[in-house]
Amino acid sequence: MNTAERDTLISAEENRAMFDRIAKNYDAANRAISMGMDKGWRRKTVELLKPFRGGRYLDIGTGTGDLVFEILRQSPNVLVDGIDPAEQMLAIAKDKAGKRRVGDAVSFFPADALDLPMESGTYDGIVSGFCFRNIERRQSALAEMLRVLKPGGLLVILEATYPANPLVRLGYRLYTPLVPIIGKILGGGAAYKYLVDSIEDFPKPETVTDMFSAAGFSGVQFKPLTFGTVCIFSGKK
């Protein structure tokens, strides 16, 4: 697939290899680059999901599993599947799950957001954190997410966004040159240069909500966080 045929700056295989390379220091880099705010963003994402006792949930692009563990923290009596193409990221997620003794409540396994290996109508809710920006064909992925949701199920996507406010954008531009430096210190400089580039390349929030609607989601909305540097997008089947 060439650049003109995909939504992303790099291919899915390049993306997978990149995340495998930075897996070891991924959590530390997240905390440093977000100044610890990423935990609060995930908490608010799961609060919007409203997981309920006995529900089954899917985390797409689970990485090291932080959204999965936040779902369990807010609603312990649920089942959660976490998928990701990067095996090294999944290995860390599985290690965390073992240390937390979550047992059969969680399953982590490799899968592609464009070809989900689940039956239609499997999940009560889907979350995805900082992954949608990295999916080669986002509209197709939304169609797959809609398919595996139960009627009434909710999709909630947390994603980094380029701020619209000129003053915030100025602060953003002053800060972002530090991101690859932080990444380099933690062993992943090129990956974090890509992070900045991919955020600037990502569509405006209004365009993303239009994509949700085009896929068939209803009640679509977005909620800006931290002056619009992050947004939570949601829609219901």
C-alpha atoms as a PDB file:
ATOM      1  CA  MET A   1       0.000   0.000   0.000  1.00  0.00           C
ATOM      2  CA  ASN A   2       1.542   3.325  -1.034  1.00  0.00           C
ATOM      3  CA  THR A   3       1.226   6.611   0.848  1.00  0.00           C
ATOM      4  CA  ALA A   4      -1.647   7.792  -1.356  1.00  0.00           C
ATOM      5  CA  GLU A   5      -3.709   4.715  -0.420  1.00  0.00           C
ATOM      6  CA  ARG A   6      -3.352   5.018   3.350  1.00  0.00           C
ATOM      7  CA  ASP A   7      -4.271   7.579   5.991  1.00  0.00           C
ATOM      8  CA  THR A   8      -0.980   7.326   7.872  1.00  0.00           C
ATOM      9  CA  LEU A   9       2.526   8.698   7.373  1.00  0.00           C
ATOM     10  CA  ILE A  10       4.100   5.244   7.713  1.00  0.00           C
ATOM     11  CA  SER A  11       2.905   1.729   6.906  1.00  0.00           C
ATOM     12  CA  ALA A  12       1.311  -0.671   9.359  1.00  0.00           C
ATOM     13  CA  GLU A  13       4.425  -2.842   9.317  1.00  0.00           C
ATOM     14  CA  GLU A  14       6.698   0.153   9.990  1.00  0.00           C
ATOM     15  CA  ASN A  15       4.378   1.185  12.785  1.00  0.00           C
ATOM     16  CA  ARG A  16       4.415  -2.272  14.372  1.00  0.00           C
ATOM     17  CA  ALA A  17       8.200  -2.469  14.215  1.00  0.00           C
ATOM     18  CA  MET A  18       8.514   1.018  15.721  1.00  0.00           C
ATOM     19  CA  PHE A  19       6.345   0.162  18.716  1.00  0.00           C
ATOM     20  CA  ASP A  20       8.172  -3.109  19.248  1.00  0.00           C
ATOM     21  CA  ARG A  21      11.439  -1.128  19.395  1.00  0.00           C
ATOM     22  CA  ILE A  22      10.201   1.345  22.004  1.00  0.00           C
ATOM     23  CA  ALA A  23       8.099  -1.075  24.071  1.00  0.00           C
ATOM     24  CA  LYS A  24      10.562  -1.345  26.957  1.00  0.00           C
ATOM     25  CA  ASN A  25      10.470   2.387  27.727  1.00  0.00           C
ATOM     26  CA  TYR A  26       7.010   3.192  26.354  1.00  0.00           C
ATOM     27  CA  ASP A  27       5.300   3.744  29.707  1.00  0.00           C
ATOM     28  CA  ALA A  28       8.090   5.928  31.072  1.00  0.00           C
ATOM     29  CA  ALA A  29       8.081   8.027  27.897  1.00  0.00           C
ATOM     30  CA  ASN A  30       4.295   8.448  28.073  1.00  0.00           C
ATOM     31  CA  ARG A  31       4.495   9.722  31.644  1.00  0.00           C
ATOM     32  CA  ALA A  32       7.336  12.106  30.799  1.00  0.00           C
ATOM     33  CA  ILE A  33       5.936  13.530  27.556  1.00  0.00           C
ATOM     34  CA  SER A  34       2.417  14.008  28.952  1.00  0.00           C
ATOM     35  CA  MET A  35       3.778  15.270  32.283  1.00  0.00           C
ATOM     36  CA  GLY A  36       1.741  12.542  33.956  1.00  0.00           C
ATOM     37  CA  MET A  37      -1.561  13.704  32.449  1.00  0.00           C
ATOM     38  CA  ASP A  38      -2.064  10.545  30.383  1.00  0.00           C
ATOM     39  CA  LYS A  39      -3.399   8.694  33.435  1.00  0.00           C
ATOM     40  CA  GLY A  40      -6.166  11.264  33.852  1.00  0.00           C
ATOM     41  CA  TRP A  41      -6.997  11.135  30.155  1.00  0.00           C
ATOM     42  CA  ARG A  42      -7.446   7.383  30.334  1.00  0.00           C
ATOM     43  CA  ARG A  43      -9.563   7.668  33.460  1.00  0.00           C
ATOM     44  CA  LYS A  44     -11.907  10.123  31.732  1.00  0.00           C
ATOM     45  CA  THR A  45     -12.066   7.909  28.650  1.00  0.00           C
ATOM     46  CA  VAL A  46     -13.226   4.917  30.682  1.00  0.00           C
ATOM     47  CA  GLU A  47     -15.651   7.068  32.683  1.00  0.00           C
ATOM     48  CA  LEU A  48     -17.301   7.959  29.371  1.00  0.00           C
ATOM     49  CA  LEU A  49     -17.385   4.270  28.391  1.00  0.00           C
ATOM     50  CA  LYS A  50     -19.286   3.479  31.623  1.00  0.00           C
ATOM     51  CA  PRO A  51     -18.294  -0.200  31.891  1.00  0.00           C
ATOM     52  CA  PHE A  52     -20.872  -2.240  33.795  1.00  0.00           C
ATOM     53  CA  ARG A  53     -20.800  -5.491  35.747  1.00  0.00           C
ATOM     54  CA  GLY A  54     -20.840  -8.511  33.462  1.00  0.00           C
ATOM     55  CA  GLY A  55     -19.977  -6.470  30.362  1.00  0.00           C
ATOM     56  CA  ARG A  56     -17.410  -7.420  27.745  1.00  0.00           C
ATOM     57  CA  TYR A  57     -15.050  -4.815  26.330  1.00  0.00           C
ATOM     58  CA  LEU A  58     -12.353  -4.463  23.677  1.00  0.00           C
ATOM     59  CA  ASP A  59      -9.274  -2.245  23.749  1.00  0.00           C
ATOM     60  CA  ILE A  60      -7.899  -1.709  20.227  1.00  0.00           C
ATOM     61  CA  GLY A  61      -4.212  -0.847  20.101  1.00  0.00           C
ATOM     62  CA  THR A  62      -3.885  -1.752  23.753  1.00  0.00           C
ATOM     63  CA  GLY A  63      -0.107  -1.307  23.814  1.00  0.00           C
ATOM     64  CA  THR A  64       1.057  -2.028  27.354  1.00  0.00           C
ATOM     65  CA  GLY A  65      -2.523  -2.397  28.587  1.00  0.00           C
ATOM     66  CA  ASP A  66      -3.131   0.790  30.565  1.00  0.00           C
ATOM     67  CA  LEU A  67      -6.696   1.313  29.305  1.00  0.00           C
ATOM     68  CA  VAL A  68      -7.537  -2.321  30.026  1.00  0.00           C
ATOM     69  CA  PHE A  69      -6.390  -1.968  33.619  1.00  0.00           C
ATOM     70  CA  GLU A  70      -8.296   1.310  33.980  1.00  0.00           C
ATOM     71  CA  ILE A  71     -11.481  -0.471  32.855  1.00  0.00           C
ATOM     72  CA  LEU A  72     -10.895  -3.129  35.517  1.00  0.00           C
ATOM     73  CA  ARG A  73     -10.185  -0.466  38.133  1.00  0.00           C
ATOM     74  CA  GLN A  74     -13.493   1.265  37.446  1.00  0.00           C
ATOM     75  CA  SER A  75     -15.536  -1.923  36.975  1.00  0.00           C
ATOM     76  CA  PRO A  76     -13.800  -5.080  38.273  1.00  0.00           C
ATOM     77  CA  ASN A  77     -16.472  -7.582  37.239  1.00  0.00           C
ATOM     78  CA  VAL A  78     -16.006  -7.391  33.466  1.00  0.00           C
ATOM     79  CA  LEU A  79     -14.154  -9.210  30.684  1.00  0.00           C
ATOM     80  CA  VAL A  80     -11.693  -7.242  28.557  1.00  0.00           C
ATOM     81  CA  ASP A  81      -9.804  -8.180  25.402  1.00  0.00           C
ATOM     82  CA  GLY A  82      -6.747  -6.124  24.503  1.00  0.00           C
ATOM     83  CA  ILE A  83      -5.394  -6.353  20.954  1.00  0.00           C
ATOM     84  CA  ASP A  84      -2.284  -4.919  19.332  1.00  0.00           C
ATOM     85  CA  PRO A  85      -0.042  -5.894  16.397  1.00  0.00           C
ATOM     86  CA  ALA A  86       3.155  -5.217  18.390  1.00  0.00           C
ATOM     87  CA  GLU A  87       4.188  -8.401  20.205  1.00  0.00           C
ATOM     88  CA  GLN A  88       6.712  -6.652  22.463  1.00  0.00           C
ATOM     89  CA  MET A  89       4.051  -4.245  23.702  1.00  0.00           C
ATOM     90  CA  LEU A  90       1.710  -7.163  24.368  1.00  0.00           C
ATOM     91  CA  ALA A  91       4.439  -8.978  26.306  1.00  0.00           C
ATOM     92  CA  ILE A  92       4.642  -6.040  28.707  1.00  0.00           C
ATOM     93  CA  ALA A  93       0.838  -5.906  28.997  1.00  0.00           C
ATOM     94  CA  LYS A  94       0.744  -9.624  29.847  1.00  0.00           C
ATOM     95  CA  ASP A  95       3.480  -9.145  32.434  1.00  0.00           C
ATOM     96  CA  LYS A  96       1.471  -6.344  34.048  1.00  0.00           C
ATOM     97  CA  ALA A  97      -1.640  -8.532  34.051  1.00  0.00           C
ATOM     98  CA  GLY A  98       0.276 -11.297  35.834  1.00  0.00           C
ATOM     99  CA  LYS A  99       1.535  -8.909  38.485  1.00  0.00           C
ATOM    100  CA  ARG A 100      -1.992  -7.562  39.000  1.00  0.00           C
ATOM    101  CA  ARG A 101      -3.398 -11.115  39.179  1.00  0.00           C
ATOM    102  CA  VAL A 102      -6.324 -10.283  36.922  1.00  0.00           C
ATOM    103  CA  GLY A 103      -6.789 -13.924  35.984  1.00  0.00           C
ATOM    104  CA  ASP A 104      -9.272 -14.754  33.257  1.00  0.00           C
ATOM    105  CA  ALA A 105     -10.770 -11.249  33.255  1.00  0.00           C
ATOM    106  CA  VAL A 106      -8.263 -10.120  30.607  1.00  0.00           C
ATOM    107  CA  SER A 107      -6.993 -11.573  27.336  1.00  0.00           C
ATOM    108  CA  PHE A 108      -4.184  -9.935  25.355  1.00  0.00           C
ATOM    109  CA  PHE A 109      -3.496 -11.119  21.809  1.00  0.00           C
ATOM    110  CA  PRO A 110      -2.264  -9.818  18.432  1.00  0.00           C
ATOM    111  CA  ALA A 111      -4.917  -8.665  15.965  1.00  0.00           C
ATOM    112  CA  ASP A 112      -5.484  -6.144  13.189  1.00  0.00           C
ATOM    113  CA  ALA A 113      -8.050  -3.353  13.649  1.00  0.00           C
ATOM    114  CA  LEU A 114      -8.907  -3.668   9.946  1.00  0.00           C
ATOM    115  CA  ASP A 115      -9.804  -7.363  10.268  1.00  0.00           C
ATOM    116  CA  LEU A 116     -11.041  -8.064  13.781  1.00  0.00           C
ATOM    117  CA  PRO A 117     -11.184 -11.811  14.507  1.00  0.00           C
ATOM    118  CA  MET A 118     -14.387 -11.572  16.551  1.00  0.00           C
ATOM    119  CA  GLU A 119     -17.982 -12.356  15.717  1.00  0.00           C
ATOM    120  CA  SER A 120     -20.361  -9.496  15.069  1.00  0.00           C
ATOM    121  CA  GLY A 121     -22.093  -8.099  18.148  1.00  0.00           C
ATOM    122  CA  THR A 122     -19.514  -9.373  20.649  1.00  0.00           C
ATOM    123  CA  TYR A 123     -18.767  -6.302  22.790  1.00  0.00           C
ATOM    124  CA  ASP A 124     -20.690  -3.927  25.027  1.00  0.00           C
ATOM    125  CA  GLY A 125     -18.052  -1.271  24.447  1.00  0.00           C
ATOM    126  CA  ILE A 126     -14.793  -0.531  22.657  1.00  0.00           C
ATOM    127  CA  VAL A 127     -11.987   1.808  23.673  1.00  0.00           C
ATOM    128  CA  SER A 128      -8.815   2.841  21.898  1.00  0.00           C
ATOM    129  CA  GLY A 129      -6.094   5.121  23.182  1.00  0.00           C
ATOM    130  CA  PHE A 130      -3.586   6.875  20.925  1.00  0.00           C
ATOM    131  CA  CYS A 131      -4.029   4.204  18.255  1.00  0.00           C
ATOM    132  CA  PHE A 132      -6.598   5.523  15.760  1.00  0.00           C
ATOM    133  CA  ARG A 133      -4.041   8.001  14.409  1.00  0.00           C
ATOM    134  CA  ASN A 134      -1.814   5.049  13.454  1.00  0.00           C
ATOM    135  CA  ILE A 135      -4.402   2.975  11.545  1.00  0.00           C
ATOM    136  CA  GLU A 136      -3.797   2.869   7.795  1.00  0.00           C
ATOM    137  CA  ARG A 137      -7.467   2.945   6.757  1.00  0.00           C
ATOM    138  CA  ARG A 138      -9.435   4.604   9.531  1.00  0.00           C
ATOM    139  CA  GLN A 139     -12.876   4.501   7.911  1.00  0.00           C
ATOM    140  CA  SER A 140     -12.558   0.751   7.377  1.00  0.00           C
ATOM    141  CA  ALA A 141     -11.468   0.328  10.992  1.00  0.00           C
ATOM    142  CA  LEU A 142     -14.540   2.205  12.211  1.00  0.00           C
ATOM    143  CA  ALA A 143     -16.742  -0.137  10.177  1.00  0.00           C
ATOM    144  CA  GLU A 144     -15.089  -3.133  11.860  1.00  0.00           C
ATOM    145  CA  MET A 145     -15.552  -1.585  15.312  1.00  0.00           C
ATOM    146  CA  LEU A 146     -19.233  -0.996  14.589  1.00  0.00           C
ATOM    147  CA  ARG A 147     -19.592  -4.602  13.441  1.00  0.00           C
ATOM    148  CA  VAL A 148     -18.237  -6.182  16.631  1.00  0.00           C
ATOM    149  CA  LEU A 149     -20.234  -3.914  18.947  1.00  0.00           C
ATOM    150  CA  LYS A 150     -23.573  -5.019  20.343  1.00  0.00           C
ATOM    151  CA  PRO A 151     -26.563  -2.786  19.545  1.00  0.00           C
ATOM    152  CA  GLY A 152     -26.381   0.126  21.969  1.00  0.00           C
ATOM    153  CA  GLY A 153     -22.652  -0.430  22.476  1.00  0.00           C
ATOM    154  CA  LEU A 154     -20.331   2.547  22.761  1.00  0.00           C
ATOM    155  CA  LEU A 155     -17.052   3.314  20.981  1.00  0.00           C
ATOM    156  CA  VAL A 156     -14.728   5.707  22.817  1.00  0.00           C
ATOM    157  CA  ILE A 157     -11.459   6.814  21.220  1.00  0.00           C
ATOM    158  CA  LEU A 158      -8.797   8.841  23.017  1.00  0.00           C
ATOM    159  CA  GLU A 159      -6.435  10.588  20.623  1.00  0.00           C
ATOM    160  CA  ALA A 160      -3.817  13.325  20.535  1.00  0.00           C
ATOM    161  CA  THR A 161      -4.950  16.300  18.421  1.00  0.00           C
ATOM    162  CA  TYR A 162      -3.430  19.486  17.064  1.00  0.00           C
ATOM    163  CA  PRO A 163      -4.833  22.403  19.121  1.00  0.00           C
ATOM    164  CA  ALA A 164      -7.027  24.948  17.316  1.00  0.00           C
ATOM    165  CA  ASN A 165      -6.521  27.880  19.695  1.00  0.00           C
ATOM    166  CA  PRO A 166      -3.645  30.090  18.411  1.00  0.00           C
ATOM    167  CA  LEU A 167      -2.208  30.710  21.889  1.00  0.00           C
ATOM    168  CA  VAL A 168      -2.315  27.033  22.807  1.00  0.00           C
ATOM    169  CA  ARG A 169      -0.821  26.194  19.416  1.00  0.00           C
ATOM    170  CA  LEU A 170       2.086  28.536  20.150  1.00  0.00           C
ATOM    171  CA  GLY A 171       2.764  26.763  23.447  1.00  0.00           C
ATOM    172  CA  TYR A 172       2.432  23.428  21.672  1.00  0.00           C
ATOM    173  CA  ARG A 173       5.007  24.443  19.068  1.00  0.00           C
ATOM    174  CA  LEU A 174       7.407  25.577  21.784  1.00  0.00           C
ATOM    175  CA  TYR A 175       7.040  22.278  23.642  1.00  0.00           C
ATOM    176  CA  THR A 176       7.003  19.708  20.836  1.00  0.00           C
ATOM    177  CA  PRO A 177      10.724  20.048  19.904  1.00  0.00           C
ATOM    178  CA  LEU A 178      11.422  18.625  23.365  1.00  0.00           C
ATOM    179  CA  VAL A 179       9.402  15.464  22.653  1.00  0.00           C
ATOM    180  CA  PRO A 180      12.019  13.737  20.430  1.00  0.00           C
ATOM    181  CA  ILE A 181      14.704  14.735  22.945  1.00  0.00           C
ATOM    182  CA  ILE A 182      12.775  13.035  25.754  1.00  0.00           C
ATOM    183  CA  GLY A 183      12.243  10.058  23.456  1.00  0.00           C
ATOM    184  CA  LYS A 184      15.932   9.890  22.606  1.00  0.00           C
ATOM    185  CA  ILE A 185      16.873   9.878  26.289  1.00  0.00           C
ATOM    186  CA  LEU A 186      14.499   6.942  26.723  1.00  0.00           C
ATOM    187  CA  GLY A 187      15.749   5.130  23.634  1.00  0.00           C
ATOM    188  CA  GLY A 188      13.225   6.067  20.954  1.00  0.00           C
ATOM    189  CA  GLY A 189      14.044   9.437  19.404  1.00  0.00           C
ATOM    190  CA  ALA A 190      12.852   8.759  15.838  1.00  0.00           C
ATOM    191  CA  ALA A 191       9.575   7.288  17.088  1.00  0.00           C
ATOM    192  CA  TYR A 192       8.788  10.428  19.037  1.00  0.00           C
ATOM    193  CA  LYS A 193       9.592  12.652  16.054  1.00  0.00           C
ATOM    194  CA  TYR A 194       6.987  10.558  14.239  1.00  0.00           C
ATOM    195  CA  LEU A 195       4.592  11.136  17.167  1.00  0.00           C
ATOM    196  CA  VAL A 196       4.737  14.901  16.635  1.00  0.00           C
ATOM    197  CA  ASP A 197       4.432  14.616  12.847  1.00  0.00           C
ATOM    198  CA  SER A 198       1.476  12.220  13.060  1.00  0.00           C
ATOM    199  CA  ILE A 199      -0.433  14.511  15.417  1.00  0.00           C
ATOM    200  CA  GLU A 200      -0.041  17.431  13.038  1.00  0.00           C
ATOM    201  CA  ASP A 201      -1.134  15.187  10.143  1.00  0.00           C
ATOM    202  CA  PHE A 202      -4.230  13.884  11.973  1.00  0.00           C
ATOM    203  CA  PRO A 203      -7.620  15.294  10.847  1.00  0.00           C
ATOM    204  CA  LYS A 204      -9.442  17.999  12.770  1.00  0.00           C
ATOM    205  CA  PRO A 205     -11.840  16.717  15.453  1.00  0.00           C
ATOM    206  CA  GLU A 206     -14.863  17.712  13.368  1.00  0.00           C
ATOM    207  CA  THR A 207     -13.577  15.558  10.508  1.00  0.00           C
ATOM    208  CA  VAL A 208     -13.142  12.594  12.855  1.00  0.00           C
ATOM    209  CA  THR A 209     -16.727  12.894  14.123  1.00  0.00           C
ATOM    210  CA  ASP A 210     -17.909  13.003  10.503  1.00  0.00           C
ATOM    211  CA  MET A 211     -16.063   9.709   9.987  1.00  0.00           C
ATOM    212  CA  PHE A 212     -17.882   8.192  12.965  1.00  0.00           C
ATOM    213  CA  SER A 213     -21.221   9.282  11.510  1.00  0.00           C
ATOM    214  CA  ALA A 214     -20.330   7.971   8.055  1.00  0.00           C
ATOM    215  CA  ALA A 215     -19.537   4.575   9.608  1.00  0.00           C
ATOM    216  CA  GLY A 216     -23.029   4.448  11.135  1.00  0.00           C
ATOM    217  CA  PHE A 217     -22.465   5.611  14.709  1.00  0.00           C
ATOM    218  CA  SER A 218     -25.090   7.818  16.369  1.00  0.00           C
ATOM    219  CA  GLY A 219     -24.853  10.446  19.102  1.00  0.00           C
ATOM    220  CA  VAL A 220     -21.332  11.226  17.924  1.00  0.00           C
ATOM    221  CA  GLN A 221     -19.397  13.820  19.908  1.00  0.00           C
ATOM    222  CA  PHE A 222     -15.897  14.876  20.895  1.00  0.00           C
ATOM    223  CA  LYS A 223     -14.605  16.272  24.154  1.00  0.00           C
ATOM    224  CA  PRO A 224     -11.374  18.320  24.109  1.00  0.00           C
ATOM    225  CA  LEU A 225      -8.984  17.856  27.026  1.00  0.00           C
ATOM    226  CA  THR A 226      -5.916  19.871  28.074  1.00  0.00           C
ATOM    227  CA  PHE A 227      -6.698  22.841  25.823  1.00  0.00           C
ATOM    228  CA  GLY A 228      -7.444  20.650  22.809  1.00  0.00           C
ATOM    229  CA  THR A 229      -4.135  18.787  22.724  1.00  0.00           C
ATOM    230  CA  VAL A 230      -6.135  15.597  23.332  1.00  0.00           C
ATOM    231  CA  CYS A 231      -9.720  14.683  22.436  1.00  0.00           C
ATOM    232  CA  ILE A 232     -12.117  11.910  23.421  1.00  0.00           C
ATOM    233  CA  PHE A 233     -14.374  10.866  20.536  1.00  0.00           C
ATOM    234  CA  SER A 234     -17.467   8.756  21.109  1.00  0.00           C
ATOM    235  CA  GLY A 235     -20.378   7.231  19.276  1.00  0.00           C
ATOM    236  CA  LYS A 236     -23.052   4.590  19.832  1.00  0.00           C
ATOM    237  CA  LYS A 237     -24.189   1.649  17.698  1.00  0.00           C
END
